[in-house]
C-alpha atoms as a PDB file:
ATOM      1  CA  HIS A   1      36.650 -41.634 -15.893  1.00  0.00           C
ATOM      2  CA  LEU A   2      33.978 -40.336 -13.508  1.00  0.00           C
ATOM      3  CA  ASP A   3      34.767 -43.161 -11.107  1.00  0.00           C
ATOM      4  CA  LEU A   4      38.123 -41.454 -10.451  1.00  0.00           C
ATOM      5  CA  LEU A   5      36.372 -38.388  -9.040  1.00  0.00           C
ATOM      6  CA  SER A   6      34.783 -37.601  -5.695  1.00  0.00           C
ATOM      7  CA  THR A   7      30.983 -37.501  -5.524  1.00  0.00           C
ATOM      8  CA  ASP A   8      30.782 -33.713  -5.940  1.00  0.00           C
ATOM      9  CA  GLU A   9      33.375 -33.674  -8.706  1.00  0.00           C
ATOM     10  CA  ALA A  10      31.591 -36.418 -10.658  1.00  0.00           C
ATOM     11  CA  ARG A  11      28.275 -34.647 -10.146  1.00  0.00           C
ATOM     12  CA  MET A  12      29.720 -31.391 -11.492  1.00  0.00           C
ATOM     13  CA  ILE A  13      31.149 -33.011 -14.640  1.00  0.00           C
ATOM     14  CA  SER A  14      27.939 -34.989 -15.208  1.00  0.00           C
ATOM     15  CA  LEU A  15      25.771 -31.881 -14.963  1.00  0.00           C
ATOM     16  CA  LEU A  16      28.057 -30.067 -17.389  1.00  0.00           C
ATOM     17  CA  CYS A  17      28.059 -32.992 -19.840  1.00  0.00           C
ATOM     18  CA  PHE A  18      24.389 -33.926 -19.795  1.00  0.00           C
ATOM     19  CA  THR A  19      22.498 -30.652 -19.296  1.00  0.00           C
ATOM     20  CA  GLY A  20      24.383 -27.851 -21.050  1.00  0.00           C
ATOM     21  CA  MET A  21      23.830 -25.664 -17.991  1.00  0.00           C
ATOM     22  CA  ARG A  22      26.093 -22.694 -17.362  1.00  0.00           C
ATOM     23  CA  ARG A  23      28.556 -22.921 -14.464  1.00  0.00           C
ATOM     24  CA  GLY A  24      26.643 -20.272 -12.515  1.00  0.00           C
ATOM     25  CA  GLU A  25      23.349 -22.125 -13.040  1.00  0.00           C
ATOM     26  CA  ILE A  26      24.857 -25.351 -11.701  1.00  0.00           C
ATOM     27  CA  LEU A  27      26.294 -23.558  -8.679  1.00  0.00           C
ATOM     28  CA  GLY A  28      22.885 -21.954  -8.079  1.00  0.00           C
ATOM     29  CA  LEU A  29      20.971 -25.230  -8.467  1.00  0.00           C
ATOM     30  CA  LYS A  30      18.906 -26.289  -5.464  1.00  0.00           C
ATOM     31  CA  TRP A  31      17.940 -29.882  -4.744  1.00  0.00           C
ATOM     32  CA  GLU A  32      14.280 -28.879  -4.665  1.00  0.00           C
ATOM     33  CA  CYS A  33      14.533 -27.984  -8.383  1.00  0.00           C
ATOM     34  CA  ILE A  34      15.426 -31.575  -9.306  1.00  0.00           C
ATOM     35  CA  THR A  35      12.762 -34.221  -9.889  1.00  0.00           C
ATOM     36  CA  ASP A  36      13.151 -37.804 -11.081  1.00  0.00           C
ATOM     37  CA  ASP A  37      13.100 -36.752 -14.724  1.00  0.00           C
ATOM     38  CA  SER A  38      13.932 -33.047 -14.977  1.00  0.00           C
ATOM     39  CA  ILE A  39      15.810 -30.052 -13.642  1.00  0.00           C
ATOM     40  CA  THR A  40      14.199 -26.632 -13.368  1.00  0.00           C
ATOM     41  CA  VAL A  41      16.820 -23.965 -13.973  1.00  0.00           C
ATOM     42  CA  GLN A  42      15.841 -20.704 -12.335  1.00  0.00           C
ATOM     43  CA  ALA A  43      18.673 -19.429 -10.126  1.00  0.00           C
ATOM     44  CA  GLU A  44      22.355 -18.732 -10.648  1.00  0.00           C
ATOM     45  CA  VAL A  45      25.493 -17.801  -8.771  1.00  0.00           C
ATOM     46  CA  LEU A  46      27.607 -14.924 -10.063  1.00  0.00           C
ATOM     47  CA  PHE A  47      31.029 -13.940  -8.802  1.00  0.00           C
ATOM     48  CA  ASP A  48      32.117 -10.491  -7.679  1.00  0.00           C
ATOM     49  CA  GLY A  49      35.820 -11.131  -7.257  1.00  0.00           C
ATOM     50  CA  ASN A  50      35.933 -14.141  -4.948  1.00  0.00           C
ATOM     51  CA  THR A  51      32.559 -13.341  -3.421  1.00  0.00           C
ATOM     52  CA  SER A  52      29.634 -15.413  -4.669  1.00  0.00           C
ATOM     53  CA  VAL A  53      26.296 -13.698  -5.249  1.00  0.00           C
ATOM     54  CA  PHE A  54      23.227 -15.936  -5.319  1.00  0.00           C
ATOM     55  CA  ASN A  55      20.417 -14.727  -7.603  1.00  0.00           C
ATOM     56  CA  GLU A  56      16.983 -16.314  -7.223  1.00  0.00           C
ATOM     57  CA  TYR A  57      16.404 -15.925 -10.961  1.00  0.00           C
ATOM     58  CA  THR A  58      18.617 -16.144 -14.022  1.00  0.00           C
ATOM     59  CA  LYS A  59      19.663 -12.974 -15.820  1.00  0.00           C
ATOM     60  CA  SER A  60      16.896 -13.305 -18.420  1.00  0.00           C
ATOM     61  CA  ALA A  61      13.409 -14.806 -18.497  1.00  0.00           C
ATOM     62  CA  SER A  62      14.458 -17.266 -21.198  1.00  0.00           C
ATOM     63  CA  GLY A  63      17.100 -18.633 -18.804  1.00  0.00           C
ATOM     64  CA  VAL A  64      14.330 -20.089 -16.645  1.00  0.00           C
ATOM     65  CA  ARG A  65      13.706 -23.492 -18.216  1.00  0.00           C
ATOM     66  CA  VAL A  66      13.231 -27.218 -17.701  1.00  0.00           C
ATOM     67  CA  ILE A  67      15.947 -29.641 -18.820  1.00  0.00           C
ATOM     68  CA  PRO A  68      15.346 -33.397 -19.033  1.00  0.00           C
ATOM     69  CA  ILE A  69      17.591 -35.680 -16.982  1.00  0.00           C
ATOM     70  CA  PRO A  70      19.091 -38.373 -19.224  1.00  0.00           C
ATOM     71  CA  ASP A  71      19.722 -41.859 -17.843  1.00  0.00           C
ATOM     72  CA  GLU A  72      23.481 -41.213 -17.688  1.00  0.00           C
ATOM     73  CA  LEU A  73      22.955 -38.356 -15.224  1.00  0.00           C
ATOM     74  CA  GLN A  74      20.457 -40.111 -12.927  1.00  0.00           C
ATOM     75  CA  PRO A  75      23.001 -41.867 -10.636  1.00  0.00           C
ATOM     76  CA  TYR A  76      24.756 -38.579  -9.852  1.00  0.00           C
ATOM     77  CA  LEU A  77      21.537 -36.964  -8.639  1.00  0.00           C
ATOM     78  CA  ALA A  78      20.146 -39.943  -6.731  1.00  0.00           C
ATOM     79  CA  ASP A  79      21.327 -38.970  -3.229  1.00  0.00           C
ATOM     80  CA  ARG A  80      19.144 -35.923  -2.623  1.00  0.00           C
ATOM     81  CA  SER A  81      19.756 -33.423   0.130  1.00  0.00           C
ATOM     82  CA  GLU A  82      18.608 -29.886   0.933  1.00  0.00           C
ATOM     83  CA  GLY A  83      19.765 -26.450  -0.082  1.00  0.00           C
ATOM     84  CA  LEU A  84      22.220 -25.962  -2.923  1.00  0.00           C
ATOM     85  CA  VAL A  85      23.522 -29.014  -4.765  1.00  0.00           C
ATOM     86  CA  PHE A  86      27.017 -27.533  -4.381  1.00  0.00           C
ATOM     87  CA  GLY A  87      27.602 -25.920  -1.019  1.00  0.00           C
ATOM     88  CA  GLY A  88      24.400 -26.682   0.880  1.00  0.00           C
ATOM     89  CA  ASP A  89      23.563 -23.458   2.704  1.00  0.00           C
ATOM     90  CA  LYS A  90      26.286 -21.330   1.141  1.00  0.00           C
ATOM     91  CA  PRO A  91      27.227 -21.139  -2.558  1.00  0.00           C
ATOM     92  CA  TYR A  92      30.734 -21.914  -3.737  1.00  0.00           C
ATOM     93  CA  THR A  93      33.114 -18.996  -3.996  1.00  0.00           C
ATOM     94  CA  GLN A  94      35.186 -18.431  -7.132  1.00  0.00           C
ATOM     95  CA  SER A  95      38.288 -19.870  -5.455  1.00  0.00           C
ATOM     96  CA  LYS A  96      36.433 -22.931  -4.137  1.00  0.00           C
ATOM     97  CA  PHE A  97      35.148 -23.722  -7.603  1.00  0.00           C
ATOM     98  CA  ALA A  98      38.615 -23.118  -9.117  1.00  0.00           C
ATOM     99  CA  ARG A  99      40.164 -25.563  -6.632  1.00  0.00           C
ATOM    100  CA  MET A 100      37.553 -28.186  -7.526  1.00  0.00           C
ATOM    101  CA  TRP A 101      38.237 -27.694 -11.241  1.00  0.00           C
ATOM    102  CA  GLN A 102      41.986 -28.074 -10.638  1.00  0.00           C
ATOM    103  CA  ARG A 103      41.420 -31.316  -8.680  1.00  0.00           C
ATOM    104  CA  ILE A 104      39.272 -32.672 -11.511  1.00  0.00           C
ATOM    105  CA  GLY A 105      41.947 -31.717 -14.040  1.00  0.00           C
ATOM    106  CA  LYS A 106      44.601 -33.602 -12.072  1.00  0.00           C
ATOM    107  CA  LYS A 107      42.502 -36.779 -11.949  1.00  0.00           C
ATOM    108  CA  ILE A 108      41.218 -36.790 -15.518  1.00  0.00           C
ATOM    109  CA  ASP A 109      42.605 -35.014 -18.563  1.00  0.00           C
ATOM    110  CA  LEU A 110      40.204 -32.212 -19.465  1.00  0.00           C
ATOM    111  CA  HIS A 111      42.425 -31.204 -22.411  1.00  0.00           C
ATOM    112  CA  GLY A 112      42.189 -27.603 -21.226  1.00  0.00           C
ATOM    113  CA  ALA A 113      38.373 -27.542 -21.349  1.00  0.00           C
ATOM    114  CA  THR A 114      36.499 -24.933 -19.349  1.00  0.00           C
ATOM    115  CA  PRO A 115      32.967 -25.517 -18.046  1.00  0.00           C
ATOM    116  CA  HIS A 116      31.676 -23.489 -20.978  1.00  0.00           C
ATOM    117  CA  VAL A 117      33.231 -25.927 -23.455  1.00  0.00           C
ATOM    118  CA  PHE A 118      30.932 -28.640 -22.070  1.00  0.00           C
ATOM    119  CA  ARG A 119      27.913 -26.400 -22.740  1.00  0.00           C
ATOM    120  CA  HIS A 120      29.095 -25.764 -26.285  1.00  0.00           C
ATOM    121  CA  THR A 121      29.576 -29.502 -26.873  1.00  0.00           C
ATOM    122  CA  TYR A 122      26.144 -30.366 -25.423  1.00  0.00           C
ATOM    123  CA  LEU A 123      24.368 -27.926 -27.747  1.00  0.00           C
ATOM    124  CA  THR A 124      26.423 -29.028 -30.752  1.00  0.00           C
ATOM    125  CA  MET A 125      25.602 -32.679 -30.062  1.00  0.00           C
ATOM    126  CA  LEU A 126      21.895 -31.865 -29.826  1.00  0.00           C
ATOM    127  CA  ALA A 127      22.102 -30.285 -33.273  1.00  0.00           C
ATOM    128  CA  ALA A 128      23.998 -33.299 -34.644  1.00  0.00           C
ATOM    129  CA  SER A 129      21.271 -35.552 -33.199  1.00  0.00           C
ATOM    130  CA  ASP A 130      18.604 -33.801 -35.293  1.00  0.00           C
ATOM    131  CA  VAL A 131      16.945 -32.071 -32.321  1.00  0.00           C
ATOM    132  CA  ASP A 132      14.899 -29.243 -33.785  1.00  0.00           C
ATOM    133  CA  PRO A 133      16.437 -25.756 -33.538  1.00  0.00           C
ATOM    134  CA  LYS A 134      13.740 -24.192 -31.349  1.00  0.00           C
ATOM    135  CA  THR A 135      14.108 -26.980 -28.789  1.00  0.00           C
ATOM    136  CA  ILE A 136      17.876 -26.438 -28.704  1.00  0.00           C
ATOM    137  CA  GLN A 137      17.278 -22.723 -28.154  1.00  0.00           C
ATOM    138  CA  ALA A 138      14.898 -23.500 -25.271  1.00  0.00           C
ATOM    139  CA  LEU A 139      17.334 -25.951 -23.657  1.00  0.00           C
ATOM    140  CA  ALA A 140      20.131 -23.402 -23.990  1.00  0.00           C
ATOM    141  CA  GLY A 141      18.026 -20.726 -22.316  1.00  0.00           C
ATOM    142  CA  HIS A 142      18.593 -18.175 -25.072  1.00  0.00           C
ATOM    143  CA  ALA A 143      16.077 -15.503 -26.027  1.00  0.00           C
ATOM    144  CA  ASP A 144      17.600 -15.081 -29.478  1.00  0.00           C
ATOM    145  CA  PHE A 145      17.562 -18.049 -31.861  1.00  0.00           C
ATOM    146  CA  SER A 146      20.369 -16.683 -34.046  1.00  0.00           C
ATOM    147  CA  PHE A 147      22.630 -16.319 -31.002  1.00  0.00           C
ATOM    148  CA  THR A 148      22.230 -20.030 -30.206  1.00  0.00           C
ATOM    149  CA  PHE A 149      23.153 -21.163 -33.678  1.00  0.00           C
ATOM    150  CA  ASN A 150      25.787 -18.589 -34.568  1.00  0.00           C
ATOM    151  CA  ARG A 151      27.701 -18.899 -31.318  1.00  0.00           C
ATOM    152  CA  TYR A 152      27.175 -22.413 -29.990  1.00  0.00           C
ATOM    153  CA  ILE A 153      26.316 -24.802 -32.798  1.00  0.00           C
ATOM    154  CA  ASP A 154      29.288 -26.010 -34.791  1.00  0.00           C
ATOM    155  CA  LYS A 155      28.868 -26.822 -38.453  1.00  0.00           C
ATOM    156  CA  ASP A 156      29.315 -30.568 -38.349  1.00  0.00           C
ATOM    157  CA  ARG A 157      30.933 -31.676 -41.630  1.00  0.00           C
ATOM    158  CA  ARG A 158      29.099 -35.002 -41.397  1.00  0.00           C
ATOM    159  CA  ASN A 159      25.787 -33.147 -41.282  1.00  0.00           C
ATOM    160  CA  ILE A 160      26.789 -30.965 -44.213  1.00  0.00           C
ATOM    161  CA  MET A 161      27.852 -33.969 -46.285  1.00  0.00           C
ATOM    162  CA  ASN A 162      24.743 -35.870 -45.231  1.00  0.00           C
ATOM    163  CA  ALA A 163      22.416 -33.032 -46.294  1.00  0.00           C
ATOM    164  CA  GLY A 164      22.478 -34.099 -49.963  1.00  0.00           C
ATOM    165  CA  LYS A 165      21.724 -37.688 -49.030  1.00  0.00           C
ATOM    166  CA  GLN A 166      18.832 -36.652 -46.783  1.00  0.00           C
ATOM    167  CA  PHE A 167      17.476 -34.403 -49.528  1.00  0.00           C
ATOM    168  CA  SER A 168      17.664 -37.230 -52.073  1.00  0.00           C
ATOM    169  CA  GLU A 169      15.936 -39.636 -49.696  1.00  0.00           C
ATOM    170  CA  ARG A 170      13.132 -37.146 -49.093  1.00  0.00           C
ATOM    171  CA  VAL A 171      12.694 -36.512 -52.810  1.00  0.00           C
ATOM    172  CA  GLY A 172      12.638 -40.293 -53.323  1.00  0.00           C
ATOM    173  CA  GLU A 173       9.892 -40.676 -50.713  1.00  0.00           C
ATOM    174  CA  LEU A 174       7.822 -37.948 -52.348  1.00  0.00           C
ATOM    175  CA  THR A 175       8.369 -39.387 -55.817  1.00  0.00           C
ATOM    176  CA  LYS A 176       7.418 -42.858 -54.621  1.00  0.00           C
ATOM    177  CA  SER A 177       4.216 -41.577 -53.024  1.00  0.00           C
ATOM    178  CA  LEU A 178       3.316 -39.744 -56.236  1.00  0.00           C
ATOM    179  CA  THR A 179       3.866 -42.831 -58.409  1.00  0.00           C
ATOM    180  CA  HIS A 180       1.558 -44.890 -56.189  1.00  0.00           C
ATOM    181  CA  THR A 181      -1.453 -42.625 -56.666  1.00  0.00           C
ATOM    182  CA  LYS A 182      -4.428 -43.373 -58.851  1.00  0.00           C
ATOM    183  CA  PRO A 183      -3.882 -43.085 -62.593  1.00  0.00           C
ATOM    184  CA  LEU A 184      -4.179 -39.710 -64.246  1.00  0.00           C
ATOM    185  CA  GLU A 185      -7.248 -38.887 -66.268  1.00  0.00           C
ATOM    186  CA  PRO A 186      -7.955 -35.939 -68.529  1.00  0.00           C
ATOM    187  CA  LEU A 187      -9.439 -32.895 -66.830  1.00  0.00           C
ATOM    188  CA  LYS A 188      -9.698 -30.320 -69.612  1.00  0.00           C
ATOM    189  CA  THR A 189      -8.652 -30.033 -73.157  1.00  0.00           C
ATOM    190  CA  ASN A 190      -7.877 -26.763 -74.794  1.00  0.00           C
ATOM    191  CA  ALA A 191      -6.547 -25.960 -78.207  1.00  0.00           C
ATOM    192  CA  LEU A 192      -2.926 -26.338 -77.100  1.00  0.00           C
ATOM    193  CA  ARG A 193      -2.820 -29.324 -74.726  1.00  0.00           C
ATOM    194  CA  THR A 194      -4.605 -31.724 -72.417  1.00  0.00           C
ATOM    195  CA  ILE A 195      -4.250 -31.050 -68.680  1.00  0.00           C
ATOM    196  CA  SER A 196      -4.347 -34.131 -66.459  1.00  0.00           C
ATOM    197  CA  VAL A 197      -4.771 -34.472 -62.708  1.00  0.00           C
ATOM    198  CA  PRO A 198      -4.969 -37.521 -60.395  1.00  0.00           C
ATOM    199  CA  ALA A 199      -8.402 -39.154 -60.352  1.00  0.00           C
ATOM    200  CA  ASN A 200     -10.397 -38.854 -57.135  1.00  0.00           C
END
């Protein structure tokens, strides 16, 4: 339903959906940090009441990261400008962002979702897509691996149920590769048994 939204509204939802960035990171994003294929996350906007505070760097070193731009996001970042992606020279205040979120909610049903829910969903979908855990941690901008998985990654029942199947398939591959080796030949004989190994 992005076509029901204004340009800025659609851009906000797209960034939330396809990058897993925090709200403050999106509000602190400058056009100069966006290339044709990636976004460099380094700044953020925090709120002190209604006042916005722009920080040149995220709260932790691990928050500074590069996120790939998927094809679905490309059209919403095509019309480049200068300054902040949202607000130009001046970052959004808390109330300005809240008004935007309310407008979005009136045009499309967000089912009560907050911006942080989109981040949670992005990280969970990465895990369900078999992206390796350390990459998910890097994309999330977390210093602590256990925090990423314990707080943001849902246990997907399909993945749990599929684990046995994947295990069986892997065992089958290993078994098949072992049965296609050269025939066994005796290596040593002792008083109790003959030990065989694959021939070289």
